[in-house]
Protein backbone atom coordinates (compact mmCIF):
# COMPACT_ATOMS: atom_id res chain seq x y z
CA MET A 1 22.09 29.55 37.00
CA PRO A 2 19.10 28.20 38.37
CA VAL A 3 18.81 28.30 42.21
CA CYS A 4 17.01 25.30 43.97
CA ASP A 5 14.70 26.39 46.54
CA VAL A 6 14.10 23.11 48.58
CA CYS A 7 15.65 24.32 51.45
CA PHE A 8 17.91 27.18 53.30
CA ARG A 9 20.93 26.23 51.34
CA GLN A 10 19.80 27.85 47.80
CA CYS A 11 22.05 25.92 46.14
CA LYS A 12 22.88 27.31 42.32
CA ILE A 13 23.49 24.05 40.37
CA GLU A 14 25.38 24.16 37.23
CA GLU A 15 23.46 21.88 34.19
CA GLY A 16 24.30 18.39 34.86
CA LYS A 17 25.51 18.65 38.49
CA THR A 18 24.29 18.04 41.71
CA GLY A 19 23.29 20.24 44.70
CA PHE A 20 24.69 20.33 48.09
CA CYS A 21 22.28 17.33 48.76
CA GLY A 22 23.48 15.14 45.90
CA GLY A 23 20.07 14.39 45.31
CA ARG A 24 18.83 17.58 43.09
CA THR A 25 20.40 18.31 39.79
CA CYS A 26 19.82 20.81 36.83
CA SER A 27 18.08 19.17 33.76
CA ASN A 28 17.53 21.52 30.96
CA GLY A 29 17.80 24.76 32.74
CA SER A 30 15.40 23.55 35.52
CA ILE A 31 16.21 21.73 39.03
CA VAL A 32 14.67 18.44 39.20
CA ALA A 33 14.83 15.37 41.76
CA ALA A 34 17.90 13.33 40.57
CA ASN A 35 16.91 10.56 42.91
CA TYR A 36 13.06 10.37 42.10
CA GLY A 37 12.42 7.12 42.09
CA ARG A 38 15.61 5.56 42.93
CA ILE A 39 14.79 3.50 45.77
CA THR A 40 17.83 2.59 47.95
CA SER A 41 15.94 0.68 50.95
CA ALA A 42 12.73 -0.70 51.39
CA ALA A 43 11.06 -2.56 54.27
CA LEU A 44 7.54 -3.57 55.97
CA ASP A 45 8.31 -1.94 59.14
CA PRO A 46 6.20 -1.79 62.65
CA ILE A 47 4.38 2.14 62.78
CA GLU A 48 6.41 2.25 65.70
CA LYS A 49 9.55 1.96 64.27
CA LYS A 50 9.24 5.54 62.72
CA PRO A 51 8.72 6.30 65.74
CA LEU A 52 5.53 7.02 65.76
CA LYS A 53 3.50 6.06 69.15
CA MET A 54 -0.12 7.59 68.72
CA PHE A 55 -0.68 7.39 65.20
CA ARG A 56 -2.19 3.79 63.95
CA PRO A 57 -0.51 1.49 66.98
CA GLY A 58 0.06 -2.06 66.04
CA LYS A 59 0.04 -1.61 62.29
CA LYS A 60 2.92 -1.78 59.76
CA VAL A 61 3.72 0.69 56.92
CA LEU A 62 5.77 -0.05 53.73
CA SER A 63 8.99 1.90 54.22
CA VAL A 64 10.88 3.49 51.46
CA GLY A 65 13.93 5.72 50.97
CA SER A 66 16.15 7.05 48.18
CA TYR A 67 19.86 8.80 48.55
CA GLY A 68 20.89 12.05 49.68
CA CYS A 69 20.35 14.67 52.26
CA ASN A 70 20.62 18.32 52.97
CA LEU A 71 21.96 18.09 56.50
CA ARG A 72 25.76 16.72 57.97
CA CYS A 73 25.06 15.46 60.96
CA LEU A 74 28.27 14.44 62.77
CA PHE A 75 26.52 11.14 64.41
CA CYS A 76 24.54 10.32 60.98
CA GLN A 77 22.85 6.84 61.41
CA ASN A 78 22.21 6.40 57.93
CA SER A 79 25.10 8.16 56.00
CA ASP A 80 25.64 4.65 54.15
CA ILE A 81 22.27 5.37 52.42
CA SER A 82 21.83 9.11 52.77
CA TRP A 83 25.21 11.30 52.05
CA SER A 84 28.28 9.25 52.07
CA LYS A 85 30.52 8.69 48.97
CA GLU A 86 29.15 5.13 48.85
CA ALA A 87 25.67 6.67 49.77
CA LEU A 88 25.92 8.66 46.20
CA GLU A 89 26.95 6.10 44.49
CA TYR A 90 23.29 4.97 44.14
CA LYS A 91 22.82 7.17 41.70
CA ASP A 92 24.07 5.01 38.96
CA THR A 93 22.95 1.60 40.47
CA ALA A 94 19.69 2.39 42.36
CA ASP A 95 16.81 0.66 40.94
CA TYR A 96 13.61 2.90 39.95
CA PHE A 97 10.11 2.09 41.17
CA SER A 98 7.29 4.52 39.96
CA PRO A 99 4.84 5.91 42.27
CA GLU A 100 2.18 3.28 40.50
CA GLU A 101 4.53 0.49 41.63
CA ILE A 102 5.26 1.35 45.15
CA VAL A 103 1.43 1.90 45.90
CA GLY A 104 0.79 -1.22 44.05
CA ARG A 105 3.01 -3.15 46.61
CA ALA A 106 1.85 -1.27 49.10
CA LEU A 107 -1.93 -2.50 48.33
CA GLU A 108 -0.35 -6.13 48.11
CA LEU A 109 0.90 -5.84 51.77
CA LYS A 110 -2.30 -4.64 53.40
CA ASN A 111 -3.06 -8.09 54.34
CA ARG A 112 -0.18 -7.95 56.29
CA GLY A 113 -1.10 -5.36 58.26
CA ASN A 114 0.26 -2.44 56.24
CA ILE A 115 -1.44 1.25 56.29
CA GLY A 116 0.03 2.60 53.33
CA VAL A 117 3.70 4.18 52.73
CA ALA A 118 6.27 5.82 54.89
CA PHE A 119 8.98 8.19 53.19
CA THR A 120 12.21 7.68 55.52
CA TYR A 121 15.92 6.64 55.70
CA ASN A 122 17.37 9.57 53.91
CA GLU A 123 15.95 12.99 53.79
CA PRO A 124 12.65 12.34 51.70
CA LEU A 125 11.87 16.24 51.25
CA ILE A 126 14.99 16.82 48.70
CA GLY A 127 13.04 14.40 46.33
CA TYR A 128 9.72 15.94 47.20
CA GLU A 129 8.21 15.39 43.75
CA PHE A 130 8.31 11.75 44.40
CA VAL A 131 6.65 11.86 47.76
CA ARG A 132 4.13 13.98 46.45
CA ASP A 133 3.18 12.04 43.46
CA THR A 134 3.93 8.40 45.45
CA ALA A 135 1.48 9.68 48.60
CA LYS A 136 -1.34 11.34 46.04
CA LEU A 137 -1.67 7.86 44.15
CA SER A 138 -1.78 6.21 48.00
CA LYS A 139 -4.40 8.48 49.28
CA GLU A 140 -6.54 7.69 46.01
CA ALA A 141 -6.25 4.31 46.96
CA GLY A 142 -7.74 4.58 50.46
CA MET A 143 -4.14 4.08 52.32
CA GLU A 144 -2.21 6.55 54.44
CA ASN A 145 1.07 8.08 54.16
CA VAL A 146 3.99 8.89 56.77
CA LEU A 147 6.74 11.10 56.38
CA VAL A 148 10.05 10.95 58.64
CA THR A 149 12.09 14.37 58.13
CA ASN A 150 14.52 17.02 59.46
CA GLY A 151 12.30 19.27 58.64
CA THR A 152 14.56 21.22 56.66
CA ALA A 153 12.60 22.46 53.99
CA SER A 154 10.66 25.25 52.60
CA LEU A 155 7.05 26.74 52.69
CA LYS A 156 6.82 25.69 49.19
CA VAL A 157 7.74 22.13 49.62
CA TYR A 158 5.42 22.00 52.60
CA ASN A 159 2.63 23.26 50.50
CA GLU A 160 3.23 20.75 47.82
CA ILE A 161 2.73 17.53 50.09
CA LYS A 162 0.79 18.93 53.14
CA ASP A 163 -2.25 17.46 51.35
CA TYR A 164 -1.43 13.91 51.39
CA ILE A 165 0.84 13.17 54.61
CA ASP A 166 -1.51 11.69 57.38
CA ALA A 167 1.43 11.57 60.15
CA MET A 168 5.21 12.78 60.36
CA ASN A 169 7.80 12.19 62.42
CA ILE A 170 10.07 15.29 62.47
CA ASP A 171 13.63 15.41 64.04
CA LEU A 172 13.96 18.50 66.39
CA LYS A 173 17.49 17.89 66.92
CA ALA A 174 18.40 20.44 69.75
CA PHE A 175 17.04 23.68 70.68
CA SER A 176 19.94 26.21 69.91
CA LYS A 177 20.92 27.66 66.62
CA ARG A 178 24.53 26.76 67.95
CA PHE A 179 23.68 22.94 67.64
CA TYR A 180 22.20 23.19 64.48
CA LYS A 181 25.36 25.62 63.15
CA LYS A 182 27.96 23.70 64.81
CA VAL A 183 26.81 19.66 64.67
CA ILE A 184 24.47 19.38 61.97
CA ASP A 185 25.31 22.15 59.34
CA GLY A 186 21.48 22.99 59.48
CA ASP A 187 18.99 26.00 60.01
CA PHE A 188 17.22 25.91 63.50
CA GLU A 189 14.61 28.80 62.09
CA MET A 190 13.51 26.67 59.20
CA VAL A 191 12.92 23.71 60.97
CA LYS A 192 11.02 25.28 63.96
CA SER A 193 8.62 26.86 61.14
CA PHE A 194 8.06 23.43 59.22
CA ILE A 195 7.31 21.83 62.39
CA GLU A 196 4.57 24.80 63.46
CA ASN A 197 3.08 24.49 59.45
CA SER A 198 2.90 20.58 59.66
CA VAL A 199 1.46 20.61 63.09
CA GLN A 200 -1.61 22.49 61.45
CA SER A 201 -2.29 19.79 58.31
CA CYS A 202 -1.50 16.25 60.28
CA HIS A 203 -0.57 14.27 63.20
CA VAL A 204 3.30 15.35 64.24
CA GLU A 205 5.19 13.53 66.79
CA LEU A 206 9.07 15.38 67.29
CA THR A 207 12.31 13.15 68.07
CA THR A 208 15.29 14.72 69.75
CA LEU A 209 18.67 12.48 70.00
CA ILE A 210 19.98 13.33 73.49
CA ILE A 211 23.87 13.74 72.80
CA PRO A 212 26.11 14.26 76.01
CA ASP A 213 27.46 17.71 76.24
CA GLU A 214 25.57 19.10 73.26
CA ASN A 215 22.19 19.26 73.93
CA ASP A 216 21.22 17.19 77.20
CA SER A 217 20.97 20.11 79.72
CA GLU A 218 17.92 20.24 81.53
CA ASP A 219 17.25 23.93 80.43
CA GLU A 220 17.39 23.21 76.82
CA ILE A 221 14.78 20.21 77.39
CA LEU A 222 12.56 22.64 79.32
CA ASP A 223 12.89 25.04 76.41
CA LEU A 224 12.25 22.52 73.78
CA SER A 225 9.08 21.17 75.95
CA SER A 226 7.64 24.77 76.41
CA TRP A 227 7.82 25.72 72.64
CA VAL A 228 6.09 22.55 71.55
CA ALA A 229 3.19 22.79 74.35
CA SER A 230 2.82 26.59 73.04
CA LEU A 231 2.06 24.62 69.44
CA GLU A 232 -0.06 22.12 71.29
CA LYS A 233 -1.97 24.91 73.05
CA LYS A 234 -2.23 27.64 69.66
CA TYR A 235 -3.39 24.53 67.50
CA ASN A 236 -5.39 22.63 69.65
CA LYS A 237 -3.36 19.51 68.89
CA ILE A 238 -1.41 16.91 71.05
CA ILE A 239 2.37 16.40 70.17
CA PRO A 240 4.09 13.47 71.26
CA LEU A 241 7.84 13.85 71.89
CA HIS A 242 10.36 11.36 71.96
CA ILE A 243 13.79 11.71 73.88
CA THR A 244 16.00 9.42 72.58
CA ARG A 245 19.43 7.92 73.58
CA PHE A 246 22.70 8.31 71.55
CA PHE A 247 24.88 6.01 70.94
CA PRO A 248 28.30 6.74 69.39
CA ARG A 249 28.16 6.93 65.38
CA PHE A 250 29.98 8.24 62.51
CA HIS A 251 32.33 11.25 63.30
CA MET A 252 31.43 10.93 67.05
CA THR A 253 32.46 7.94 68.11
CA ASP A 254 34.36 9.82 71.03
CA LYS A 255 31.35 10.08 72.94
CA ASP A 256 29.99 7.48 75.31
CA PRO A 257 26.48 6.80 74.87
CA THR A 258 23.73 8.68 76.84
CA PRO A 259 23.02 7.43 80.04
CA ILE A 260 19.92 6.00 80.75
CA SER A 261 19.31 7.65 83.76
CA LYS A 262 20.10 11.16 81.69
CA ILE A 263 17.47 10.48 79.48
CA LEU A 264 14.81 9.21 81.98
CA LYS A 265 15.61 12.41 83.98
CA LEU A 266 15.06 14.94 80.70
CA VAL A 267 11.66 12.65 80.11
CA GLU A 268 10.52 13.86 83.41
CA ILE A 269 11.86 17.28 83.01
CA ALA A 270 9.99 17.45 79.55
CA LYS A 271 6.90 16.49 81.20
CA GLN A 272 6.33 19.47 83.20
CA ASN A 273 5.19 20.95 79.98
CA LEU A 274 4.12 17.92 78.19
CA GLU A 275 1.67 14.99 78.62
CA TYR A 276 3.39 12.50 76.07
CA VAL A 277 6.91 12.27 76.15
CA PHE A 278 8.51 8.73 75.52
CA PRO A 279 11.92 7.65 76.03
CA GLY A 280 13.97 5.92 73.02
CA ASN A 281 16.70 3.65 72.29
CA ILE A 282 16.85 2.19 76.14
C-alpha cells in the first residue's frame, strides 16, 4: 500500500481513500494532492496579517487556502476550513483554480499594493505540489511568495518549495514534546528541523500562541527564545518572534483568554535572547 511521505504520520493510503490530513489521496497507485487547486478561501490581506512584521511592511498579498490539515490543535482557529467535517466536505464543492489563474489574479492586484501570493488558512504543505507550481509561476512573473505553515513537513517537501518562497511565518506552537503530543498531536522535532532548514533559504518569522497553563511558563519561553537566538547566530539571520494572545476556541473554550500582562511579560523574557519580539492579539 502506498505511503505518504509529506509528514511524520507516514499514512498508508488505500486507492481512492484519503490520509489523516484529508487532503492527500491514492490515485492509480500513487499518492497525490486531492486538494490541488481547490480554493476554499481567498483575500487580499495586509502582509502584517500573516503575521510578517519585517517583510515588505505596508504591502498586501493575495492569500489563498484550501482544505485539510495534518495537525489536530485543540484550539484550532480555522477548523471550519481546515479539518472539521464541514471543511472536508469542500472536497466536493470547492472551486478549482489553476496556478496560472491564481498568478493572473495576483498580477491584476498589483495596482492595489499586491506583492504576490500567500499560501495560508489551512495547512498549505499537505498540498505542496500546488504551492510549488503556483509559487514558481509567481516568481517567474516577478512577484514574491509567502508561506504560513505549521512546519510539520519532511525535508522532501521543503526541498520542493524552497527555491520559490521568499518569506514564511511558521508556528512554533510550544517548546516541549509534551505540548506537541498532548495539545496538537504533532511532532516537535520535525518542526524544529523544518524551521532550521527554512531559515537558511528565506526570511522566517515565528509565531507562538500562549495558552494559559499549557505553554506560558517563563522558563519555556526562555528556552524557546534561546534556541531561536542560536539559529540567528549560526546562520547570521534575523528571526522575529510573535508572542500571541490566546482566546477560547474550538475544544478549548474552558480556558480564559491569556492575560495581556502575561503576554507583555513573556515578550520581555524573550527579549533577553532576541532583539525582535512582537506581542500579538492584544
